[in-house]
Amino acid sequence: MKSTFSQEYDVFRKCMIAARKNANLTQATLAKAVKKPQSFVAKYENRERRLDVIEFLRLTHAIGVDPCEIIRQVEQSLGTTSGEGKV
């Protein structure tokens, strides 16, 4: 059975975790900011669930980071900047 979590998604997940930690937010604090239980944050950070685009935007807003910056970080990590490559 193929995993629903690709290497690219794992890079994205790690960027989201780093952004939360750089903002000095706990999982519980971030979850409260988006009106979700702490387990919501724990589950996407631990690869138990995926984020959809709307959740991603709400989380980046709550963290205080530009969503485009997260995307740039993912692209840099994967070596796929300027639309070159396959994400």
PDB file of N, CA and C in Angstrom:
ATOM      1  N   MET A   1       0.842  -1.177   0.000  1.00  0.00           N
ATOM      2  CA  MET A   1       0.000   0.000   0.000  1.00  0.00           C
ATOM      3  C   MET A   1       0.884   1.236   0.000  1.00  0.00           C
ATOM      4  N   LYS A   2       0.630   2.171  -0.913  1.00  0.00           N
ATOM      5  CA  LYS A   2       1.438   3.371  -1.047  1.00  0.00           C
ATOM      6  C   LYS A   2       1.062   4.386   0.035  1.00  0.00           C
ATOM      7  N   SER A   3       2.076   5.031   0.595  1.00  0.00           N
ATOM      8  CA  SER A   3       1.850   6.046   1.613  1.00  0.00           C
ATOM      9  C   SER A   3       1.237   7.293   0.987  1.00  0.00           C
ATOM     10  N   THR A   4       0.355   7.951   1.723  1.00  0.00           N
ATOM     11  CA  THR A   4      -0.217   9.215   1.255  1.00  0.00           C
ATOM     12  C   THR A   4       0.723  10.378   1.557  1.00  0.00           C
ATOM     13  N   PHE A   5       1.835  10.092   2.189  1.00  0.00           N
ATOM     14  CA  PHE A   5       2.796  11.126   2.555  1.00  0.00           C
ATOM     15  C   PHE A   5       4.056  10.963   1.723  1.00  0.00           C
ATOM     16  N   SER A   6       4.196  11.801   0.720  1.00  0.00           N
ATOM     17  CA  SER A   6       5.367  11.782  -0.145  1.00  0.00           C
ATOM     18  C   SER A   6       6.540  12.470   0.545  1.00  0.00           C
ATOM     19  N   GLN A   7       7.698  12.313  -0.039  1.00  0.00           N
ATOM     20  CA  GLN A   7       8.887  13.001   0.461  1.00  0.00           C
ATOM     21  C   GLN A   7       8.652  14.511   0.430  1.00  0.00           C
ATOM     22  N   GLU A   8       8.015  15.001  -0.622  1.00  0.00           N
ATOM     23  CA  GLU A   8       7.732  16.427  -0.744  1.00  0.00           C
ATOM     24  C   GLU A   8       6.809  16.909   0.372  1.00  0.00           C
ATOM     25  N   TYR A   9       5.793  16.116   0.686  1.00  0.00           N
ATOM     26  CA  TYR A   9       4.876  16.503   1.760  1.00  0.00           C
ATOM     27  C   TYR A   9       5.606  16.512   3.097  1.00  0.00           C
ATOM     28  N   ASP A  10       6.527  15.581   3.281  1.00  0.00           N
ATOM     29  CA  ASP A  10       7.282  15.535   4.524  1.00  0.00           C
ATOM     30  C   ASP A  10       8.135  16.799   4.689  1.00  0.00           C
ATOM     31  N   VAL A  11       8.706  17.300   3.613  1.00  0.00           N
ATOM     32  CA  VAL A  11       9.456  18.553   3.663  1.00  0.00           C
ATOM     33  C   VAL A  11       8.522  19.687   4.068  1.00  0.00           C
ATOM     34  N   PHE A  12       7.336  19.731   3.478  1.00  0.00           N
ATOM     35  CA  PHE A  12       6.325  20.737   3.826  1.00  0.00           C
ATOM     36  C   PHE A  12       5.989  20.663   5.312  1.00  0.00           C
ATOM     37  N   ARG A  13       5.741  19.463   5.798  1.00  0.00           N
ATOM     38  CA  ARG A  13       5.387  19.255   7.206  1.00  0.00           C
ATOM     39  C   ARG A  13       6.487  19.779   8.120  1.00  0.00           C
ATOM     40  N   LYS A  14       7.731  19.478   7.775  1.00  0.00           N
ATOM     41  CA  LYS A  14       8.859  19.933   8.589  1.00  0.00           C
ATOM     42  C   LYS A  14       8.991  21.451   8.566  1.00  0.00           C
ATOM     43  N   CYS A  15       8.692  22.072   7.431  1.00  0.00           N
ATOM     44  CA  CYS A  15       8.710  23.542   7.356  1.00  0.00           C
ATOM     45  C   CYS A  15       7.633  24.143   8.259  1.00  0.00           C
ATOM     46  N   MET A  16       6.479  23.521   8.308  1.00  0.00           N
ATOM     47  CA  MET A  16       5.398  24.003   9.173  1.00  0.00           C
ATOM     48  C   MET A  16       5.772  23.863  10.647  1.00  0.00           C
ATOM     49  N   ILE A  17       6.406  22.772  11.004  1.00  0.00           N
ATOM     50  CA  ILE A  17       6.844  22.573  12.388  1.00  0.00           C
ATOM     51  C   ILE A  17       7.885  23.622  12.754  1.00  0.00           C
ATOM     52  N   ALA A  18       8.852  23.847  11.870  1.00  0.00           N
ATOM     53  CA  ALA A  18       9.900  24.840  12.125  1.00  0.00           C
ATOM     54  C   ALA A  18       9.304  26.238  12.267  1.00  0.00           C
ATOM     55  N   ALA A  19       8.327  26.577  11.432  1.00  0.00           N
ATOM     56  CA  ALA A  19       7.690  27.893  11.515  1.00  0.00           C
ATOM     57  C   ALA A  19       7.002  28.072  12.863  1.00  0.00           C
ATOM     58  N   ARG A  20       6.304  27.037  13.325  1.00  0.00           N
ATOM     59  CA  ARG A  20       5.638  27.116  14.632  1.00  0.00           C
ATOM     60  C   ARG A  20       6.651  27.311  15.745  1.00  0.00           C
ATOM     61  N   LYS A  21       7.717  26.533  15.701  1.00  0.00           N
ATOM     62  CA  LYS A  21       8.733  26.632  16.749  1.00  0.00           C
ATOM     63  C   LYS A  21       9.472  27.964  16.700  1.00  0.00           C
ATOM     64  N   ASN A  22       9.753  28.471  15.485  1.00  0.00           N
ATOM     65  CA  ASN A  22      10.415  29.766  15.349  1.00  0.00           C
ATOM     66  C   ASN A  22       9.561  30.900  15.893  1.00  0.00           C
ATOM     67  N   ALA A  23       8.250  30.716  15.860  1.00  0.00           N
ATOM     68  CA  ALA A  23       7.322  31.708  16.410  1.00  0.00           C
ATOM     69  C   ALA A  23       7.117  31.510  17.913  1.00  0.00           C
ATOM     70  N   ASN A  24       7.835  30.549  18.486  1.00  0.00           N
ATOM     71  CA  ASN A  24       7.731  30.236  19.924  1.00  0.00           C
ATOM     72  C   ASN A  24       6.307  29.879  20.340  1.00  0.00           C
ATOM     73  N   LEU A  25       5.635  29.115  19.486  1.00  0.00           N
ATOM     74  CA  LEU A  25       4.281  28.660  19.784  1.00  0.00           C
ATOM     75  C   LEU A  25       4.299  27.172  20.110  1.00  0.00           C
ATOM     76  N   THR A  26       3.537  26.805  21.098  1.00  0.00           N
ATOM     77  CA  THR A  26       3.346  25.384  21.381  1.00  0.00           C
ATOM     78  C   THR A  26       2.236  24.865  20.475  1.00  0.00           C
ATOM     79  N   GLN A  27       2.119  23.560  20.384  1.00  0.00           N
ATOM     80  CA  GLN A  27       1.014  22.976  19.629  1.00  0.00           C
ATOM     81  C   GLN A  27      -0.317  23.455  20.209  1.00  0.00           C
ATOM     82  N   ALA A  28      -0.410  23.490  21.515  1.00  0.00           N
ATOM     83  CA  ALA A  28      -1.660  23.889  22.174  1.00  0.00           C
ATOM     84  C   ALA A  28      -2.011  25.341  21.876  1.00  0.00           C
ATOM     85  N   THR A  29      -1.020  26.229  21.904  1.00  0.00           N
ATOM     86  CA  THR A  29      -1.264  27.646  21.635  1.00  0.00           C
ATOM     87  C   THR A  29      -1.705  27.855  20.189  1.00  0.00           C
ATOM     88  N   LEU A  30      -1.034  27.186  19.271  1.00  0.00           N
ATOM     89  CA  LEU A  30      -1.410  27.298  17.865  1.00  0.00           C
ATOM     90  C   LEU A  30      -2.811  26.746  17.638  1.00  0.00           C
ATOM     91  N   ALA A  31      -3.095  25.610  18.220  1.00  0.00           N
ATOM     92  CA  ALA A  31      -4.420  25.007  18.063  1.00  0.00           C
ATOM     93  C   ALA A  31      -5.510  25.942  18.587  1.00  0.00           C
ATOM     94  N   LYS A  32      -5.266  26.559  19.716  1.00  0.00           N
ATOM     95  CA  LYS A  32      -6.240  27.488  20.280  1.00  0.00           C
ATOM     96  C   LYS A  32      -6.473  28.664  19.334  1.00  0.00           C
ATOM     97  N   ALA A  33      -5.408  29.143  18.699  1.00  0.00           N
ATOM     98  CA  ALA A  33      -5.517  30.281  17.784  1.00  0.00           C
ATOM     99  C   ALA A  33      -6.383  29.967  16.566  1.00  0.00           C
ATOM    100  N   VAL A  34      -6.401  28.702  16.151  1.00  0.00           N
ATOM    101  CA  VAL A  34      -7.225  28.305  14.999  1.00  0.00           C
ATOM    102  C   VAL A  34      -8.499  27.577  15.435  1.00  0.00           C
ATOM    103  N   LYS A  35      -8.776  27.642  16.735  1.00  0.00           N
ATOM    104  CA  LYS A  35      -9.998  27.055  17.297  1.00  0.00           C
ATOM    105  C   LYS A  35     -10.138  25.568  17.010  1.00  0.00           C
ATOM    106  N   LYS A  36      -9.041  24.861  17.229  1.00  0.00           N
ATOM    107  CA  LYS A  36      -9.000  23.412  17.056  1.00  0.00           C
ATOM    108  C   LYS A  36      -8.404  22.799  18.314  1.00  0.00           C
ATOM    109  N   PRO A  37      -8.601  21.500  18.526  1.00  0.00           N
ATOM    110  CA  PRO A  37      -7.942  20.848  19.662  1.00  0.00           C
ATOM    111  C   PRO A  37      -6.443  20.695  19.386  1.00  0.00           C
ATOM    112  N   GLN A  38      -5.667  20.562  20.432  1.00  0.00           N
ATOM    113  CA  GLN A  38      -4.216  20.383  20.296  1.00  0.00           C
ATOM    114  C   GLN A  38      -3.905  19.176  19.423  1.00  0.00           C
ATOM    115  N   SER A  39      -4.741  18.163  19.469  1.00  0.00           N
ATOM    116  CA  SER A  39      -4.507  16.958  18.678  1.00  0.00           C
ATOM    117  C   SER A  39      -4.529  17.248  17.173  1.00  0.00           C
ATOM    118  N   PHE A  40      -5.227  18.290  16.742  1.00  0.00           N
ATOM    119  CA  PHE A  40      -5.239  18.682  15.328  1.00  0.00           C
ATOM    120  C   PHE A  40      -3.824  18.990  14.862  1.00  0.00           C
ATOM    121  N   VAL A  41      -3.109  19.809  15.645  1.00  0.00           N
ATOM    122  CA  VAL A  41      -1.732  20.157  15.302  1.00  0.00           C
ATOM    123  C   VAL A  41      -0.835  18.931  15.423  1.00  0.00           C
ATOM    124  N   ALA A  42      -0.988  18.186  16.502  1.00  0.00           N
ATOM    125  CA  ALA A  42      -0.154  16.997  16.711  1.00  0.00           C
ATOM    126  C   ALA A  42      -0.308  15.997  15.568  1.00  0.00           C
ATOM    127  N   LYS A  43      -1.512  15.830  15.087  1.00  0.00           N
ATOM    128  CA  LYS A  43      -1.750  14.831  14.040  1.00  0.00           C
ATOM    129  C   LYS A  43      -1.098  15.201  12.720  1.00  0.00           C
ATOM    130  N   TYR A  44      -1.134  16.481  12.318  1.00  0.00           N
ATOM    131  CA  TYR A  44      -0.458  16.788  11.052  1.00  0.00           C
ATOM    132  C   TYR A  44       1.045  16.836  11.244  1.00  0.00           C
ATOM    133  N   GLU A  45       1.499  17.220  12.436  1.00  0.00           N
ATOM    134  CA  GLU A  45       2.943  17.227  12.672  1.00  0.00           C
ATOM    135  C   GLU A  45       3.509  15.814  12.753  1.00  0.00           C
ATOM    136  N   ASN A  46       2.707  14.861  13.163  1.00  0.00           N
ATOM    137  CA  ASN A  46       3.160  13.476  13.312  1.00  0.00           C
ATOM    138  C   ASN A  46       2.748  12.564  12.157  1.00  0.00           C
ATOM    139  N   ARG A  47       2.336  13.161  11.045  1.00  0.00           N
ATOM    140  CA  ARG A  47       1.985  12.422   9.831  1.00  0.00           C
ATOM    141  C   ARG A  47       0.754  11.534   9.975  1.00  0.00           C
ATOM    142  N   GLU A  48      -0.148  11.895  10.868  1.00  0.00           N
ATOM    143  CA  GLU A  48      -1.384  11.130  11.021  1.00  0.00           C
ATOM    144  C   GLU A  48      -2.496  11.682  10.142  1.00  0.00           C
ATOM    145  N   ARG A  49      -2.325  12.919   9.659  1.00  0.00           N
ATOM    146  CA  ARG A  49      -3.313  13.520   8.772  1.00  0.00           C
ATOM    147  C   ARG A  49      -2.616  14.559   7.907  1.00  0.00           C
ATOM    148  N   ARG A  50      -3.259  14.906   6.796  1.00  0.00           N
ATOM    149  CA  ARG A  50      -2.734  15.930   5.892  1.00  0.00           C
ATOM    150  C   ARG A  50      -3.502  17.231   6.105  1.00  0.00           C
ATOM    151  N   LEU A  51      -2.857  18.330   5.760  1.00  0.00           N
ATOM    152  CA  LEU A  51      -3.525  19.628   5.793  1.00  0.00           C
ATOM    153  C   LEU A  51      -4.116  19.925   4.429  1.00  0.00           C
ATOM    154  N   ASP A  52      -5.287  20.543   4.411  1.00  0.00           N
ATOM    155  CA  ASP A  52      -5.781  21.044   3.137  1.00  0.00           C
ATOM    156  C   ASP A  52      -5.353  22.510   3.010  1.00  0.00           C
ATOM    157  N   VAL A  53      -5.616  23.109   1.882  1.00  0.00           N
ATOM    158  CA  VAL A  53      -5.140  24.466   1.596  1.00  0.00           C
ATOM    159  C   VAL A  53      -5.709  25.484   2.578  1.00  0.00           C
ATOM    160  N   ILE A  54      -6.978  25.381   2.898  1.00  0.00           N
ATOM    161  CA  ILE A  54      -7.600  26.338   3.815  1.00  0.00           C
ATOM    162  C   ILE A  54      -6.997  26.209   5.209  1.00  0.00           C
ATOM    163  N   GLU A  55      -6.784  24.983   5.666  1.00  0.00           N
ATOM    164  CA  GLU A  55      -6.135  24.776   6.975  1.00  0.00           C
ATOM    165  C   GLU A  55      -4.730  25.366   6.970  1.00  0.00           C
ATOM    166  N   PHE A  56      -3.997  25.141   5.879  1.00  0.00           N
ATOM    167  CA  PHE A  56      -2.653  25.689   5.728  1.00  0.00           C
ATOM    168  C   PHE A  56      -2.670  27.209   5.862  1.00  0.00           C
ATOM    169  N   LEU A  57      -3.588  27.861   5.169  1.00  0.00           N
ATOM    170  CA  LEU A  57      -3.671  29.317   5.237  1.00  0.00           C
ATOM    171  C   LEU A  57      -4.022  29.811   6.636  1.00  0.00           C
ATOM    172  N   ARG A  58      -4.952  29.148   7.293  1.00  0.00           N
ATOM    173  CA  ARG A  58      -5.323  29.537   8.668  1.00  0.00           C
ATOM    174  C   ARG A  58      -4.139  29.366   9.624  1.00  0.00           C
ATOM    175  N   LEU A  59      -3.427  28.268   9.465  1.00  0.00           N
ATOM    176  CA  LEU A  59      -2.285  28.015  10.348  1.00  0.00           C
ATOM    177  C   LEU A  59      -1.166  29.024  10.126  1.00  0.00           C
ATOM    178  N   THR A  60      -0.835  29.312   8.870  1.00  0.00           N
ATOM    179  CA  THR A  60       0.235  30.277   8.620  1.00  0.00           C
ATOM    180  C   THR A  60      -0.148  31.652   9.147  1.00  0.00           C
ATOM    181  N   HIS A  61      -1.409  32.028   9.008  1.00  0.00           N
ATOM    182  CA  HIS A  61      -1.874  33.306   9.553  1.00  0.00           C
ATOM    183  C   HIS A  61      -1.694  33.325  11.078  1.00  0.00           C
ATOM    184  N   ALA A  62      -2.086  32.242  11.727  1.00  0.00           N
ATOM    185  CA  ALA A  62      -1.973  32.160  13.188  1.00  0.00           C
ATOM    186  C   ALA A  62      -0.510  32.156  13.644  1.00  0.00           C
ATOM    187  N   ILE A  63       0.348  31.537  12.859  1.00  0.00           N
ATOM    188  CA  ILE A  63       1.780  31.504  13.190  1.00  0.00           C
ATOM    189  C   ILE A  63       2.405  32.875  12.948  1.00  0.00           C
ATOM    190  N   GLY A  64       1.847  33.617  11.999  1.00  0.00           N
ATOM    191  CA  GLY A  64       2.384  34.922  11.662  1.00  0.00           C
ATOM    192  C   GLY A  64       3.443  34.861  10.578  1.00  0.00           C
ATOM    193  N   VAL A  65       3.309  33.878   9.706  1.00  0.00           N
ATOM    194  CA  VAL A  65       4.256  33.707   8.602  1.00  0.00           C
ATOM    195  C   VAL A  65       3.492  33.783   7.280  1.00  0.00           C
ATOM    196  N   ASP A  66       4.135  34.336   6.283  1.00  0.00           N
ATOM    197  CA  ASP A  66       3.550  34.420   4.942  1.00  0.00           C
ATOM    198  C   ASP A  66       3.484  33.014   4.355  1.00  0.00           C
ATOM    199  N   PRO A  67       2.310  32.564   3.919  1.00  0.00           N
ATOM    200  CA  PRO A  67       2.221  31.220   3.346  1.00  0.00           C
ATOM    201  C   PRO A  67       3.157  31.034   2.155  1.00  0.00           C
ATOM    202  N   CYS A  68       3.394  32.117   1.416  1.00  0.00           N
ATOM    203  CA  CYS A  68       4.314  32.029   0.273  1.00  0.00           C
ATOM    204  C   CYS A  68       5.734  31.717   0.735  1.00  0.00           C
ATOM    205  N   GLU A  69       6.099  32.170   1.930  1.00  0.00           N
ATOM    206  CA  GLU A  69       7.428  31.875   2.461  1.00  0.00           C
ATOM    207  C   GLU A  69       7.578  30.386   2.751  1.00  0.00           C
ATOM    208  N   ILE A  70       6.542  29.765   3.267  1.00  0.00           N
ATOM    209  CA  ILE A  70       6.585  28.315   3.497  1.00  0.00           C
ATOM    210  C   ILE A  70       6.768  27.594   2.167  1.00  0.00           C
ATOM    211  N   ILE A  71       6.024  28.013   1.152  1.00  0.00           N
ATOM    212  CA  ILE A  71       6.136  27.392  -0.166  1.00  0.00           C
ATOM    213  C   ILE A  71       7.552  27.573  -0.713  1.00  0.00           C
ATOM    214  N   ARG A  72       8.121  28.777  -0.554  1.00  0.00           N
ATOM    215  CA  ARG A  72       9.499  29.018  -1.016  1.00  0.00           C
ATOM    216  C   ARG A  72      10.486  28.101  -0.297  1.00  0.00           C
ATOM    217  N   GLN A  73      10.297  27.928   0.999  1.00  0.00           N
ATOM    218  CA  GLN A  73      11.188  27.041   1.767  1.00  0.00           C
ATOM    219  C   GLN A  73      11.093  25.614   1.257  1.00  0.00           C
ATOM    220  N   VAL A  74       9.890  25.167   0.983  1.00  0.00           N
ATOM    221  CA  VAL A  74       9.701  23.804   0.460  1.00  0.00           C
ATOM    222  C   VAL A  74      10.400  23.680  -0.891  1.00  0.00           C
ATOM    223  N   GLU A  75      10.181  24.658  -1.763  1.00  0.00           N
ATOM    224  CA  GLU A  75      10.815  24.615  -3.082  1.00  0.00           C
ATOM    225  C   GLU A  75      12.333  24.615  -2.977  1.00  0.00           C
ATOM    226  N   GLN A  76      12.893  25.435  -2.086  1.00  0.00           N
ATOM    227  CA  GLN A  76      14.343  25.459  -1.908  1.00  0.00           C
ATOM    228  C   GLN A  76      14.849  24.122  -1.401  1.00  0.00           C
ATOM    229  N   SER A  77      14.151  23.549  -0.451  1.00  0.00           N
ATOM    230  CA  SER A  77      14.565  22.257   0.094  1.00  0.00           C
ATOM    231  C   SER A  77      14.542  21.155  -0.959  1.00  0.00           C
ATOM    232  N   LEU A  78      13.588  21.266  -1.875  1.00  0.00           N
ATOM    233  CA  LEU A  78      13.449  20.248  -2.910  1.00  0.00           C
ATOM    234  C   LEU A  78      14.240  20.587  -4.165  1.00  0.00           C
ATOM    235  N   GLY A  79      14.788  21.795  -4.204  1.00  0.00           N
ATOM    236  CA  GLY A  79      15.529  22.214  -5.394  1.00  0.00           C
ATOM    237  C   GLY A  79      14.630  22.452  -6.584  1.00  0.00           C
ATOM    238  N   THR A  80      13.427  22.958  -6.336  1.00  0.00           N
ATOM    239  CA  THR A  80      12.461  23.169  -7.417  1.00  0.00           C
ATOM    240  C   THR A  80      12.004  24.612  -7.500  1.00  0.00           C
ATOM    241  N   THR A  81      12.909  25.574  -7.409  1.00  0.00           N
ATOM    242  CA  THR A  81      12.524  26.974  -7.508  1.00  0.00           C
ATOM    243  C   THR A  81      12.280  27.370  -8.953  1.00  0.00           C
ATOM    244  N   SER A  82      11.642  28.485  -9.142  1.00  0.00           N
ATOM    245  CA  SER A  82      11.342  29.069 -10.462  1.00  0.00           C
ATOM    246  C   SER A  82      10.486  28.158 -11.330  1.00  0.00           C
ATOM    247  N   GLY A  83       9.670  27.323 -10.720  1.00  0.00           N
ATOM    248  CA  GLY A  83       8.786  26.475 -11.512  1.00  0.00           C
ATOM    249  C   GLY A  83       9.489  25.316 -12.192  1.00  0.00           C
ATOM    250  N   GLU A  84      10.791  25.161 -11.942  1.00  0.00           N
ATOM    251  CA  GLU A  84      11.530  24.052 -12.532  1.00  0.00           C
ATOM    252  C   GLU A  84      11.465  22.861 -11.604  1.00  0.00           C
ATOM    253  N   GLY A  85      11.227  21.743 -12.113  1.00  0.00           N
ATOM    254  CA  GLY A  85      11.189  20.544 -11.275  1.00  0.00           C
ATOM    255  C   GLY A  85       9.779  20.038 -11.129  1.00  0.00           C
ATOM    256  N   LYS A  86       9.635  19.040 -10.313  1.00  0.00           N
ATOM    257  CA  LYS A  86       8.335  18.411 -10.168  1.00  0.00           C
ATOM    258  C   LYS A  86       7.943  18.338  -8.712  1.00  0.00           C
ATOM    259  N   VAL A  87       6.954  19.048  -8.348  1.00  0.00           N
ATOM    260  CA  VAL A  87       6.404  19.002  -6.991  1.00  0.00           C
ATOM    261  C   VAL A  87       5.014  18.460  -7.070  1.00  0.00           C
TER     262      VAL A  87
END
